Amino acid sequence: MNRLVSALLALAFIAVCVVTLLRSPRTGGSKDPGSAGPTPTAQEPKRAGGPELAITVVSGFTKKTWLDEAVAAFNAKAVAVGGRPVKVTASYANSGDALRAMQEGSLKPTLWSPADGSWFIQANDWWKGQTNKELFPSSKPLVNVPLVIAMWEPMARALGWPKPIGWADLAALAKDPQGWGRYGHPEWGRFTWGHPHPDSANGFQTMVCMVYAVTGKTSGLTADDLRNPTVRARLTELERSVEHYGMSSRWIDDFMRAKGPAYLSAAAQYENNVIEGNLASGGKPFPLVCIYPKEGTVFNENPIAVPESDWVKPAEREAAQKFIDFLLTAEQQQAAVGKGLRPAGRTDAPGGPFTAANGVAEALPQFPAFEVPSPAILNRVRDLWFETKKPASVTLIIDVSGSMRGEAMEKAKEGAIGFLDQMYPQDEIEIIAFSSQITVIASMGKVAAIREAARERIRGLFAGGGTRLYDVTAEALRRIGARRKADPDRHYGLVLMTDGMDEGSTMKKQDLIDLLPRDDAPEVVKIFTIGYGAQPDKYLLRELSNRTNARSYESSAKNILQVYSELVANF
């Protein structure tokens, strides 16, 4: 009997629970018809569960400030695909480096956003050769950034700014032996300018712009245009006046402002970099102003696309599209304006930092937009740069003292060979090894002629002895200085690799310092320095580089290839 009562009580309890559950509001989905008040779903949006859906976007550096903030804002929204929260990670690379990494298989991004569409054209041309398909069949523009000529305001006014100025005016000034004296300012010396290496979008576009300007075209470039002797001669005049290359437009802007008008008169630049630089520097020593070339220029739409490849899975493709849509919202486009980037598809930029005080025009003047050439022409443009640029003569100095034993020595040899392999065939190189002795292991000669023999000599180096750092630097300066006097129409530089302090030099440190220039004049032998490990004389290495308008690097096993890529880009 007791068992029967217990069973009945248990059944009654279960029935009450069931009735209670049936009368309660549903805990998910839409509101139950006739129920009062909001559902829990309406009060608290359902959060995505499961592991993160990670996607990567690789971008050029131009829009980095805006894109970093946009990525953070998107990730904070916890947008979901298939119940998984999307996590975007952004990384940055020069467009040429990114394309090369994709070709090598070491880069497989979910999204790629180079500065302009020419890089998609080149990627598609390569991919079609491998698969008969395009890797980036469609893309969307994100922001609109014109390539301009950034010039110190007093110099721009001497040329007639704000009246229209163009690429041809630069070419005429570059070849004039009077230099700035042509415009009544002999105190400014000769006209010098800079642009990044063509592996960067800026450098590549600068070459395209100059070719268009010289031919008088705005579209339809042909191979015959690039073979034309007059075109090649005009380009050579402009490239021979280039005092400094580099791997990015931001680096050029920083360097130009640090060295001042005595070093560079102008540089090919992105409009937003001019704005940011003027704001950061307070317009000192002078503001830079944007010259919008009258012959025309390229507009960088910073397109973004998802590769049509099996390395991007369907869920990642859907997540990537959501991120693209987010970047194109009115809110994010206005945020881009605040960073000096014109909205997608527009040449005006209401509000934000687009003011004369920042060296730019709110609404762009009327001038042509150059057409992106065909893949065949794009490939020829890069070759044309190799043929028209000022050749370089470089002395590579390798520390083989006892402190370099082990990994430092192996990495130094690896880096030296990497540097040699990346140099251009028409350039010259000399290689000096030093410890207690100073030994020329490869005399100055064309890279194409001595490359293989020099590789073997470098591979045979081993560490031992002291560190005659002062003596070898002075000797290398003497040798390359004599060569410079005989042939001034070249870039000259030293690349000094060491891990230690001076030990055993007959020369005093101050005597070496006295050999360095005392101002920022461009006509000097640049000394690029690479310090290994924790023991190099970092203060001396920085002074050698800073006083000669070069750069000092701290090298390691992790960044050795990047260091040498940047070094080669300066010659």
Protein backbone atom coordinates (compact mmCIF):
# COMPACT_ATOMS: atom_id res chain seq x y z
CA MET A 1 0.00 0.00 0.00
CA ASN A 2 2.81 2.41 0.93
CA ARG A 3 4.46 1.67 -2.38
CA LEU A 4 1.22 2.50 -4.24
CA VAL A 5 0.89 5.85 -2.44
CA SER A 6 4.49 6.77 -3.15
CA ALA A 7 4.03 6.00 -6.83
CA LEU A 8 0.85 8.09 -7.04
CA LEU A 9 2.56 11.04 -5.34
CA ALA A 10 5.47 10.83 -7.75
CA LEU A 11 3.15 10.83 -10.76
CA ALA A 12 1.30 13.84 -9.40
CA PHE A 13 4.58 15.76 -8.96
CA ILE A 14 5.62 15.02 -12.55
CA ALA A 15 2.24 16.18 -13.87
CA VAL A 16 2.55 19.48 -12.03
CA CYS A 17 6.02 20.02 -13.49
CA VAL A 18 4.81 19.31 -17.03
CA VAL A 19 1.88 21.74 -16.71
CA THR A 20 4.21 24.40 -15.35
CA LEU A 21 6.64 23.99 -18.24
CA LEU A 22 3.82 24.12 -20.81
CA ARG A 23 2.52 27.36 -19.35
CA SER A 24 5.99 29.00 -19.19
CA PRO A 25 7.27 31.23 -22.05
CA ARG A 26 9.51 29.46 -24.56
CA THR A 27 13.20 29.94 -23.94
CA GLY A 28 14.33 30.37 -27.54
CA GLY A 29 13.17 31.40 -31.00
CA SER A 30 10.19 33.70 -31.57
CA LYS A 31 7.71 34.79 -28.96
CA ASP A 32 4.86 32.38 -28.19
CA PRO A 33 1.58 33.83 -29.65
CA GLY A 34 -0.56 35.39 -26.92
CA SER A 35 2.19 35.44 -24.30
CA ALA A 36 2.89 38.73 -22.55
CA GLY A 37 6.22 40.58 -22.40
CA PRO A 38 9.48 40.14 -24.31
CA THR A 39 11.08 36.75 -24.69
CA PRO A 40 14.55 36.05 -23.30
CA THR A 41 15.79 36.08 -26.93
CA ALA A 42 14.59 39.67 -27.40
CA GLN A 43 16.22 40.76 -24.15
CA GLU A 44 19.58 39.03 -24.71
CA PRO A 45 20.71 38.28 -28.28
CA LYS A 46 21.93 34.76 -28.60
CA ARG A 47 25.75 34.65 -28.58
CA ALA A 48 27.52 32.47 -31.09
CA GLY A 49 28.93 29.33 -29.64
CA GLY A 50 31.61 26.94 -30.73
CA PRO A 51 35.21 27.65 -31.76
CA GLU A 52 36.14 30.91 -33.49
CA LEU A 53 36.02 31.07 -37.26
CA ALA A 54 39.38 32.67 -38.02
CA ILE A 55 39.93 34.59 -41.27
CA THR A 56 42.94 36.62 -42.34
CA VAL A 57 43.16 39.81 -44.39
CA VAL A 58 46.49 40.83 -45.92
CA SER A 59 46.65 44.51 -46.84
CA GLY A 60 49.03 47.13 -48.12
CA PHE A 61 50.26 49.64 -45.56
CA THR A 62 48.36 52.66 -46.92
CA LYS A 63 45.18 52.08 -44.92
CA LYS A 64 46.70 50.36 -41.89
CA THR A 65 45.51 52.87 -39.28
CA TRP A 66 41.90 52.68 -40.47
CA LEU A 67 41.90 48.93 -41.06
CA ASP A 68 43.31 48.12 -37.62
CA GLU A 69 40.46 50.02 -35.96
CA ALA A 70 37.89 48.51 -38.33
CA VAL A 71 39.08 44.98 -37.53
CA ALA A 72 38.78 45.65 -33.80
CA ALA A 73 35.27 47.07 -34.25
CA PHE A 74 34.15 44.12 -36.38
CA ASN A 75 35.51 41.55 -33.96
CA ALA A 76 33.74 43.30 -31.07
CA LYS A 77 30.39 42.76 -32.83
CA ALA A 78 30.81 38.97 -32.57
CA VAL A 79 29.39 38.39 -36.05
CA ALA A 80 28.62 34.69 -36.47
CA VAL A 81 28.69 32.24 -39.35
CA GLY A 82 27.25 28.79 -38.73
CA GLY A 83 27.03 29.54 -35.03
CA ARG A 84 30.75 30.36 -34.81
CA PRO A 85 32.02 33.88 -33.98
CA VAL A 86 34.17 35.34 -36.76
CA LYS A 87 37.64 36.53 -35.75
CA VAL A 88 39.49 38.69 -38.30
CA THR A 89 43.26 39.11 -38.15
CA ALA A 90 45.00 41.73 -40.29
CA SER A 91 48.59 41.66 -41.45
CA TYR A 92 50.46 44.02 -43.77
CA ALA A 93 52.90 43.52 -46.61
CA ASN A 94 54.10 45.31 -49.69
CA SER A 95 51.96 44.22 -52.61
CA GLY A 96 54.89 42.72 -54.51
CA ASP A 97 56.01 40.72 -51.48
CA ALA A 98 52.47 39.44 -50.88
CA LEU A 99 52.07 38.33 -54.49
CA ARG A 100 55.46 36.62 -54.45
CA ALA A 101 54.55 34.80 -51.20
CA MET A 102 51.29 33.56 -52.74
CA GLN A 103 53.20 32.34 -55.78
CA GLU A 104 55.62 30.49 -53.49
CA GLY A 105 52.75 29.00 -51.47
CA SER A 106 53.81 30.55 -48.16
CA LEU A 107 50.83 32.97 -48.04
CA LYS A 108 47.21 31.82 -48.31
CA PRO A 109 45.01 34.69 -47.13
CA THR A 110 41.24 34.67 -46.83
CA LEU A 111 41.21 38.24 -48.15
CA TRP A 112 43.77 40.33 -50.00
CA SER A 113 43.63 44.10 -50.32
CA PRO A 114 46.58 45.59 -52.26
CA ALA A 115 46.73 49.30 -53.03
CA ASP A 116 45.37 49.00 -56.56
CA GLY A 117 43.90 46.54 -59.03
CA SER A 118 47.11 46.03 -61.00
CA TRP A 119 48.22 43.46 -58.45
CA PHE A 120 45.05 41.42 -59.00
CA ILE A 121 45.74 41.58 -62.74
CA GLN A 122 49.23 40.20 -62.16
CA ALA A 123 47.96 37.54 -59.74
CA ASN A 124 45.28 36.44 -62.22
CA ASP A 125 47.81 36.28 -65.03
CA TRP A 126 50.04 33.99 -62.95
CA TRP A 127 47.16 31.83 -61.67
CA LYS A 128 45.72 31.33 -65.16
CA GLY A 129 49.09 30.02 -66.22
CA GLN A 130 48.83 27.40 -63.47
CA THR A 131 45.10 26.55 -63.45
CA ASN A 132 43.43 28.25 -66.45
CA LYS A 133 41.34 30.20 -63.92
CA GLU A 134 41.56 33.62 -62.30
CA LEU A 135 42.53 33.75 -58.65
CA PHE A 136 40.67 37.03 -58.03
CA PRO A 137 37.82 37.19 -60.57
CA SER A 138 36.01 39.99 -58.71
CA SER A 139 36.80 42.63 -56.13
CA LYS A 140 35.30 45.67 -54.43
CA PRO A 141 36.98 49.06 -53.86
CA LEU A 142 37.32 50.10 -50.23
CA VAL A 143 38.75 53.64 -50.28
CA ASN A 144 40.10 56.03 -52.92
CA VAL A 145 43.65 57.35 -52.52
CA PRO A 146 45.45 59.27 -55.29
CA LEU A 147 49.19 58.99 -55.84
CA VAL A 148 50.62 62.52 -55.61
CA ILE A 149 53.94 64.35 -55.67
CA ALA A 150 54.69 65.47 -52.13
CA MET A 151 56.90 68.57 -52.12
CA TRP A 152 58.03 71.08 -49.52
CA GLU A 153 55.70 74.06 -49.75
CA PRO A 154 58.39 76.73 -50.53
CA MET A 155 59.75 74.56 -53.35
CA ALA A 156 56.27 73.87 -54.71
CA ARG A 157 55.51 77.60 -54.74
CA ALA A 158 58.76 78.23 -56.63
CA LEU A 159 57.44 75.86 -59.32
CA GLY A 160 54.17 77.80 -59.47
CA TRP A 161 51.97 75.81 -57.10
CA PRO A 162 49.01 75.93 -56.57
CA LYS A 163 48.88 76.23 -60.34
CA PRO A 164 49.03 72.83 -62.09
CA ILE A 165 52.40 71.07 -62.02
CA GLY A 166 53.20 67.71 -63.56
CA TRP A 167 55.62 64.85 -64.00
CA ALA A 168 57.18 66.64 -66.97
CA ASP A 169 58.09 69.61 -64.78
CA LEU A 170 59.97 67.26 -62.45
CA ALA A 171 61.78 65.67 -65.38
CA ALA A 172 62.88 69.06 -66.71
CA LEU A 173 64.11 70.16 -63.29
CA ALA A 174 65.88 66.85 -62.70
CA LYS A 175 68.04 67.16 -65.82
CA ASP A 176 68.78 70.90 -65.48
CA PRO A 177 72.40 71.43 -64.27
CA GLN A 178 71.28 74.66 -62.57
CA GLY A 179 68.96 72.69 -60.31
CA TRP A 180 66.76 74.97 -58.25
CA GLY A 181 68.76 77.91 -59.61
CA ARG A 182 66.50 77.61 -62.65
CA TYR A 183 63.70 78.96 -60.42
CA GLY A 184 65.75 81.60 -58.64
CA HIS A 185 66.91 79.46 -55.68
CA PRO A 186 70.50 78.33 -56.26
CA GLU A 187 70.83 77.95 -52.48
CA TRP A 188 68.61 74.86 -52.65
CA GLY A 189 71.08 72.99 -54.86
CA ARG A 190 69.98 70.32 -57.29
CA PHE A 191 66.56 68.74 -57.42
CA THR A 192 66.44 65.38 -55.62
CA TRP A 193 63.53 63.11 -55.03
CA GLY A 194 62.59 59.62 -53.92
CA HIS A 195 60.06 56.87 -54.37
CA PRO A 196 59.73 53.34 -52.99
CA HIS A 197 61.08 50.25 -54.68
CA PRO A 198 58.73 48.84 -57.37
CA ASP A 199 58.01 45.83 -55.15
CA SER A 200 55.79 48.27 -53.24
CA ALA A 201 52.56 49.54 -54.80
CA ASN A 202 53.73 53.17 -54.60
CA GLY A 203 57.01 52.51 -56.39
CA PHE A 204 55.38 50.42 -59.08
CA GLN A 205 52.65 53.00 -59.70
CA THR A 206 55.21 55.80 -59.87
CA MET A 207 56.89 54.04 -62.76
CA VAL A 208 53.53 53.54 -64.51
CA CYS A 209 52.67 57.24 -64.04
CA MET A 210 56.00 58.39 -65.42
CA VAL A 211 55.66 56.15 -68.47
CA TYR A 212 52.18 57.52 -69.17
CA ALA A 213 53.33 61.10 -68.67
CA VAL A 214 56.32 60.71 -70.97
CA THR A 215 54.26 59.06 -73.73
CA GLY A 216 51.45 61.61 -73.43
CA LYS A 217 48.90 58.82 -73.04
CA THR A 218 46.32 58.06 -70.37
CA SER A 219 45.54 54.52 -71.57
CA GLY A 220 46.59 51.93 -74.11
CA LEU A 221 50.30 51.59 -73.33
CA THR A 222 52.12 49.28 -75.73
CA ALA A 223 55.42 47.43 -75.71
CA ASP A 224 56.63 49.81 -78.42
CA ASP A 225 56.02 52.76 -76.07
CA LEU A 226 58.38 51.19 -73.55
CA ARG A 227 61.02 50.51 -76.20
CA ASN A 228 60.90 54.08 -77.52
CA PRO A 229 64.38 55.65 -77.03
CA THR A 230 62.90 59.05 -76.15
CA VAL A 231 60.69 57.48 -73.47
CA ARG A 232 63.62 55.56 -72.00
CA ALA A 233 65.84 58.65 -72.02
CA ARG A 234 63.23 60.76 -70.16
CA LEU A 235 62.68 58.01 -67.59
CA THR A 236 66.42 57.67 -67.09
CA GLU A 237 66.67 61.40 -66.35
CA LEU A 238 63.99 61.11 -63.67
CA GLU A 239 65.35 57.91 -62.14
CA ARG A 240 68.91 59.23 -62.05
CA SER A 241 67.66 62.07 -59.82
CA VAL A 242 66.20 59.57 -57.32
CA GLU A 243 68.31 59.86 -54.20
CA HIS A 244 66.55 57.30 -52.08
CA TYR A 245 64.43 54.22 -52.55
CA GLY A 246 62.81 52.25 -49.75
CA MET A 247 60.24 49.54 -49.12
CA SER A 248 57.20 51.67 -48.29
CA SER A 249 55.69 55.10 -48.79
CA ARG A 250 55.41 55.63 -45.02
CA TRP A 251 59.11 54.98 -44.63
CA ILE A 252 59.85 57.53 -47.37
CA ASP A 253 57.66 60.12 -45.63
CA ASP A 254 59.32 59.56 -42.25
CA PHE A 255 62.80 59.70 -43.76
CA MET A 256 62.06 62.79 -45.83
CA ARG A 257 60.75 64.70 -42.82
CA ALA A 258 63.66 63.58 -40.64
CA LYS A 259 66.29 64.70 -43.16
CA GLY A 260 64.54 67.83 -44.45
CA PRO A 261 64.59 69.77 -47.74
CA ALA A 262 68.38 69.62 -48.08
CA TYR A 263 68.10 65.87 -48.63
CA LEU A 264 64.93 65.34 -50.69
CA SER A 265 63.02 68.01 -52.60
CA ALA A 266 60.02 65.79 -53.31
CA ALA A 267 58.73 62.23 -53.22
CA ALA A 268 56.02 60.16 -54.85
CA GLN A 269 53.52 59.70 -52.05
CA TYR A 270 50.00 58.72 -51.11
CA GLU A 271 47.74 61.61 -50.20
CA ASN A 272 46.83 60.26 -46.76
CA ASN A 273 50.50 59.90 -45.80
CA VAL A 274 51.00 63.62 -46.50
CA ILE A 275 48.05 64.44 -44.24
CA GLU A 276 49.25 62.19 -41.42
CA GLY A 277 52.83 63.45 -41.68
CA ASN A 278 51.81 67.12 -41.59
CA LEU A 279 49.60 66.54 -38.58
CA ALA A 280 52.32 64.62 -36.75
CA SER A 281 55.12 67.09 -37.53
CA GLY A 282 53.11 70.27 -37.04
CA GLY A 283 54.30 71.36 -40.49
CA LYS A 284 57.96 71.54 -39.43
CA PRO A 285 60.38 72.48 -40.90
CA PHE A 286 57.85 73.20 -43.66
CA PRO A 287 54.60 71.48 -44.53
CA LEU A 288 54.55 69.10 -47.46
CA VAL A 289 51.90 69.83 -50.07
CA CYS A 290 50.22 67.51 -52.55
CA ILE A 291 50.87 68.21 -56.21
CA TYR A 292 48.17 66.48 -58.23
CA PRO A 293 50.04 65.88 -61.52
CA LYS A 294 48.37 67.66 -64.42
CA GLU A 295 49.15 64.85 -66.88
CA GLY A 296 47.32 62.40 -64.63
CA THR A 297 47.95 59.87 -61.88
CA VAL A 298 46.63 56.59 -60.52
CA PHE A 299 43.81 56.32 -58.03
CA ASN A 300 44.31 53.59 -55.51
CA GLU A 301 40.93 52.06 -54.82
CA ASN A 302 42.47 49.61 -52.36
CA PRO A 303 40.26 46.79 -53.70
CA ILE A 304 39.56 43.75 -51.58
CA ALA A 305 38.82 40.23 -52.77
CA VAL A 306 38.53 36.62 -51.67
CA PRO A 307 40.73 34.23 -53.69
CA GLU A 308 38.89 31.57 -55.71
CA SER A 309 40.97 28.78 -54.27
CA ASP A 310 40.32 25.68 -52.20
CA TRP A 311 42.35 27.13 -49.34
CA VAL A 312 39.29 29.30 -48.55
CA LYS A 313 36.44 27.15 -47.21
CA PRO A 314 32.74 28.04 -47.71
CA ALA A 315 32.24 29.26 -44.13
CA GLU A 316 35.39 31.41 -44.40
CA ARG A 317 34.14 32.85 -47.69
CA GLU A 318 30.82 33.80 -46.06
CA ALA A 319 32.65 35.37 -43.11
CA ALA A 320 34.92 37.30 -45.47
CA GLN A 321 31.91 38.74 -47.31
CA LYS A 322 30.42 39.91 -44.01
CA PHE A 323 33.67 41.71 -43.22
CA ILE A 324 33.73 43.38 -46.65
CA ASP A 325 30.14 44.54 -46.17
CA PHE A 326 31.11 45.97 -42.78
CA LEU A 327 34.00 47.96 -44.26
CA LEU A 328 31.65 49.50 -46.82
CA THR A 329 29.06 50.69 -44.29
CA ALA A 330 28.54 54.46 -44.06
CA GLU A 331 29.99 54.43 -40.55
CA GLN A 332 33.26 52.78 -41.58
CA GLN A 333 33.58 54.87 -44.74
CA GLN A 334 33.30 58.03 -42.63
CA ALA A 335 35.88 56.60 -40.24
CA ALA A 336 38.19 56.21 -43.26
CA VAL A 337 37.68 59.90 -44.13
CA GLY A 338 38.89 60.75 -40.66
CA LYS A 339 42.14 58.93 -41.48
CA GLY A 340 42.70 60.89 -44.70
CA LEU A 341 41.22 58.26 -47.03
CA ARG A 342 38.61 59.29 -49.59
CA PRO A 343 35.45 57.13 -49.66
CA ALA A 344 35.16 54.34 -52.22
CA GLY A 345 34.21 55.63 -55.65
CA ARG A 346 34.52 59.32 -54.75
CA THR A 347 37.10 62.03 -55.34
CA ASP A 348 35.75 64.44 -52.74
CA ALA A 349 35.97 63.96 -48.99
CA PRO A 350 33.65 66.21 -47.02
CA GLY A 351 34.89 66.90 -43.53
CA GLY A 352 37.83 65.28 -41.88
CA PRO A 353 41.44 66.41 -42.38
CA PHE A 354 41.11 67.34 -46.08
CA THR A 355 42.15 70.96 -45.75
CA ALA A 356 44.69 73.30 -47.33
CA ALA A 357 46.43 73.51 -43.95
CA ASN A 358 47.20 69.80 -44.28
CA GLY A 359 48.50 70.25 -47.82
CA VAL A 360 45.56 68.69 -49.67
CA ALA A 361 42.42 69.64 -51.59
CA GLU A 362 38.99 68.67 -50.28
CA ALA A 363 37.71 68.16 -53.84
CA LEU A 364 40.34 66.97 -56.27
CA PRO A 365 41.14 69.13 -59.31
CA GLN A 366 40.26 67.79 -62.75
CA PHE A 367 43.02 65.58 -64.16
CA PRO A 368 43.07 62.19 -65.88
CA ALA A 369 43.09 58.86 -64.10
CA PHE A 370 45.60 56.56 -65.75
CA GLU A 371 44.30 53.19 -66.91
CA VAL A 372 45.77 50.05 -65.35
CA PRO A 373 47.88 48.48 -68.13
CA SER A 374 47.66 44.88 -69.30
CA PRO A 375 49.68 42.14 -67.53
CA ALA A 376 52.28 42.09 -70.31
CA ILE A 377 52.87 45.84 -69.98
CA LEU A 378 52.96 45.70 -66.19
CA ASN A 379 55.73 43.10 -66.35
CA ARG A 380 57.68 45.25 -68.82
CA VAL A 381 57.33 48.36 -66.64
CA ARG A 382 59.19 46.66 -63.80
CA ASP A 383 61.92 45.54 -66.19
CA LEU A 384 62.17 49.11 -67.46
CA TRP A 385 62.90 50.32 -63.93
CA PHE A 386 65.88 47.96 -63.67
CA GLU A 387 67.22 49.34 -66.93
CA THR A 388 66.73 53.07 -66.18
CA LYS A 389 67.52 53.34 -62.47
CA LYS A 390 70.86 54.69 -61.33
CA PRO A 391 73.20 51.70 -60.86
CA ALA A 392 74.75 50.98 -57.47
CA SER A 393 78.23 50.13 -56.22
CA VAL A 394 78.22 48.41 -52.83
CA THR A 395 80.94 47.24 -50.47
CA LEU A 396 79.77 44.40 -48.21
CA ILE A 397 81.85 44.17 -45.01
CA ILE A 398 81.58 40.94 -42.98
CA ASP A 399 82.84 40.57 -39.41
CA VAL A 400 84.61 37.20 -39.04
CA SER A 401 86.12 37.83 -35.60
CA GLY A 402 86.15 35.17 -32.89
CA SER A 403 82.96 36.45 -31.24
CA MET A 404 81.04 35.56 -34.42
CA ARG A 405 81.53 31.80 -33.87
CA GLY A 406 78.43 29.65 -34.07
CA GLU A 407 75.00 30.84 -35.15
CA ALA A 408 76.06 34.48 -35.69
CA MET A 409 78.63 33.44 -38.30
CA GLU A 410 76.25 31.09 -40.07
CA LYS A 411 73.45 33.66 -40.16
CA ALA A 412 75.85 36.36 -41.36
CA LYS A 413 76.94 34.14 -44.25
CA GLU A 414 73.35 33.23 -45.04
CA GLY A 415 72.38 36.90 -45.05
CA ALA A 416 75.37 37.98 -47.13
CA ILE A 417 74.57 35.37 -49.79
CA GLY A 418 70.91 36.43 -49.69
CA PHE A 419 71.95 40.04 -50.23
CA LEU A 420 74.19 39.07 -53.12
CA ASP A 421 71.44 36.97 -54.73
CA GLN A 422 68.95 39.84 -54.58
CA MET A 423 71.26 42.43 -56.11
CA TYR A 424 70.68 43.45 -59.70
CA PRO A 425 73.04 42.10 -62.40
CA GLN A 426 74.15 45.56 -63.58
CA ASP A 427 75.14 46.68 -60.06
CA GLU A 428 78.63 46.28 -58.62
CA ILE A 429 79.76 44.66 -55.40
CA GLU A 430 82.98 44.30 -53.42
CA ILE A 431 83.25 42.00 -50.38
CA ILE A 432 85.63 42.52 -47.45
CA ALA A 433 86.06 40.18 -44.48
CA PHE A 434 87.70 41.46 -41.29
CA SER A 435 88.92 40.28 -37.91
CA SER A 436 92.51 41.04 -36.86
CA GLN A 437 93.16 41.12 -40.60
CA ILE A 438 91.35 42.95 -43.39
CA THR A 439 90.93 40.84 -46.51
CA VAL A 440 89.27 41.68 -49.81
CA ILE A 441 87.63 38.38 -50.78
CA ALA A 442 85.94 39.76 -53.92
CA SER A 443 87.12 42.87 -55.75
CA MET A 444 84.57 45.36 -57.05
CA GLY A 445 82.87 43.98 -60.14
CA LYS A 446 79.52 43.53 -61.86
CA VAL A 447 77.24 41.28 -59.83
CA ALA A 448 76.42 39.16 -62.88
CA ALA A 449 80.12 38.41 -63.42
CA ILE A 450 81.25 37.62 -59.88
CA ARG A 451 78.14 36.34 -58.09
CA GLU A 452 78.90 32.60 -58.16
CA ALA A 453 82.57 32.97 -57.17
CA ALA A 454 81.61 35.40 -54.39
CA ARG A 455 79.07 32.92 -53.00
CA GLU A 456 81.77 30.29 -52.68
CA ARG A 457 84.15 32.68 -50.94
CA ILE A 458 81.43 33.67 -48.45
CA ARG A 459 80.54 30.04 -47.71
CA GLY A 460 84.19 29.36 -46.84
CA LEU A 461 84.42 32.07 -44.15
CA PHE A 462 84.98 31.09 -40.50
CA ALA A 463 85.36 33.06 -37.29
CA GLY A 464 88.55 33.86 -35.38
CA GLY A 465 90.67 36.81 -34.23
CA GLY A 466 89.98 40.39 -33.16
CA THR A 467 87.59 43.08 -34.43
CA ARG A 468 89.24 45.94 -36.33
CA LEU A 469 85.94 47.69 -36.83
CA TYR A 470 87.26 51.27 -37.15
CA ASP A 471 90.08 50.34 -39.50
CA VAL A 472 87.93 48.32 -41.91
CA THR A 473 85.23 51.00 -42.10
CA ALA A 474 87.80 53.70 -42.88
CA GLU A 475 89.50 51.50 -45.48
CA ALA A 476 86.20 50.69 -47.17
CA LEU A 477 85.27 54.38 -47.26
CA ARG A 478 88.62 55.19 -48.84
CA ARG A 479 88.24 52.53 -51.51
CA ILE A 480 84.68 53.34 -52.48
CA GLY A 481 85.31 57.08 -52.23
CA ALA A 482 88.04 56.81 -54.88
CA ARG A 483 85.66 54.88 -57.11
CA ARG A 484 82.96 57.51 -56.61
CA LYS A 485 85.28 60.29 -57.77
CA ALA A 486 85.94 58.39 -60.98
CA ASP A 487 82.24 57.64 -61.66
CA PRO A 488 79.87 59.93 -59.71
CA ASP A 489 76.70 58.88 -61.57
CA ARG A 490 76.00 55.87 -59.32
CA HIS A 491 74.61 55.11 -55.87
CA TYR A 492 77.42 54.21 -53.46
CA GLY A 493 77.05 52.41 -50.20
CA LEU A 494 78.64 50.24 -47.54
CA VAL A 495 76.87 47.39 -45.77
CA LEU A 496 78.63 46.69 -42.46
CA MET A 497 77.83 43.47 -40.55
CA THR A 498 79.25 43.01 -37.04
CA ASP A 499 78.41 41.58 -33.62
CA GLY A 500 81.04 43.29 -31.49
CA MET A 501 82.93 46.34 -30.29
CA ASP A 502 86.18 47.46 -31.88
CA GLU A 503 89.23 45.48 -30.81
CA GLY A 504 92.68 46.09 -32.22
CA SER A 505 92.22 49.01 -34.66
CA THR A 506 95.10 51.40 -35.19
CA MET A 507 92.58 54.16 -35.92
CA LYS A 508 90.80 55.94 -33.07
CA LYS A 509 87.02 56.12 -32.96
CA GLN A 510 86.93 59.91 -33.26
CA ASP A 511 89.17 59.77 -36.33
CA LEU A 512 86.58 57.52 -37.98
CA ILE A 513 83.76 59.88 -36.97
CA ASP A 514 85.67 62.77 -38.53
CA LEU A 515 85.47 61.00 -41.90
CA LEU A 516 81.66 61.20 -41.85
CA PRO A 517 79.65 64.09 -43.35
CA ARG A 518 78.46 66.88 -41.06
CA ASP A 519 75.16 67.69 -42.78
CA ASP A 520 72.28 66.01 -44.60
CA ALA A 521 73.65 66.51 -48.10
CA PRO A 522 72.53 63.62 -50.31
CA GLU A 523 75.87 63.19 -52.11
CA VAL A 524 77.46 60.87 -49.56
CA VAL A 525 78.43 57.21 -49.37
CA LYS A 526 75.66 55.63 -47.31
CA ILE A 527 76.67 53.21 -44.56
CA PHE A 528 74.01 50.63 -43.73
CA THR A 529 74.84 48.73 -40.54
CA ILE A 530 73.61 45.38 -39.20
CA GLY A 531 74.28 44.50 -35.57
CA TYR A 532 74.16 40.86 -34.48
CA GLY A 533 73.40 39.62 -30.97
CA ALA A 534 73.58 41.69 -27.76
CA GLN A 535 77.18 42.94 -27.97
CA PRO A 536 77.56 45.22 -31.03
CA ASP A 537 78.49 48.87 -30.56
CA LYS A 538 74.93 50.00 -31.26
CA TYR A 539 75.68 53.67 -30.65
CA LEU A 540 78.48 53.68 -33.20
CA LEU A 541 76.47 51.71 -35.76
CA ARG A 542 73.54 54.11 -35.46
CA GLU A 543 75.81 57.11 -35.82
CA LEU A 544 77.49 55.67 -38.92
CA SER A 545 74.08 55.14 -40.52
CA ASN A 546 72.38 58.34 -39.38
CA ARG A 547 75.26 60.57 -40.42
CA THR A 548 75.24 59.06 -43.92
CA ASN A 549 71.46 59.09 -44.50
CA ALA A 550 71.19 55.32 -44.23
CA ARG A 551 69.60 52.88 -41.75
CA SER A 552 70.84 50.73 -38.88
CA TYR A 553 69.36 47.28 -38.31
CA GLU A 554 69.36 44.79 -35.46
CA SER A 555 69.54 41.37 -37.03
CA SER A 556 68.58 37.94 -35.81
CA ALA A 557 67.75 34.52 -37.16
CA LYS A 558 64.09 35.59 -37.35
CA ASN A 559 64.41 38.76 -39.41
CA ILE A 560 67.56 38.20 -41.45
CA LEU A 561 65.74 37.82 -44.78
CA GLN A 562 63.60 40.91 -44.17
CA VAL A 563 66.67 42.96 -43.29
CA TYR A 564 68.42 42.05 -46.51
CA SER A 565 65.30 42.64 -48.61
CA GLU A 566 65.07 46.16 -47.20
CA LEU A 567 68.76 46.77 -47.78
CA VAL A 568 68.60 45.74 -51.42
CA ALA A 569 65.59 48.03 -51.91
CA ASN A 570 67.79 51.02 -51.13
CA PHE A 571 70.14 50.46 -54.07
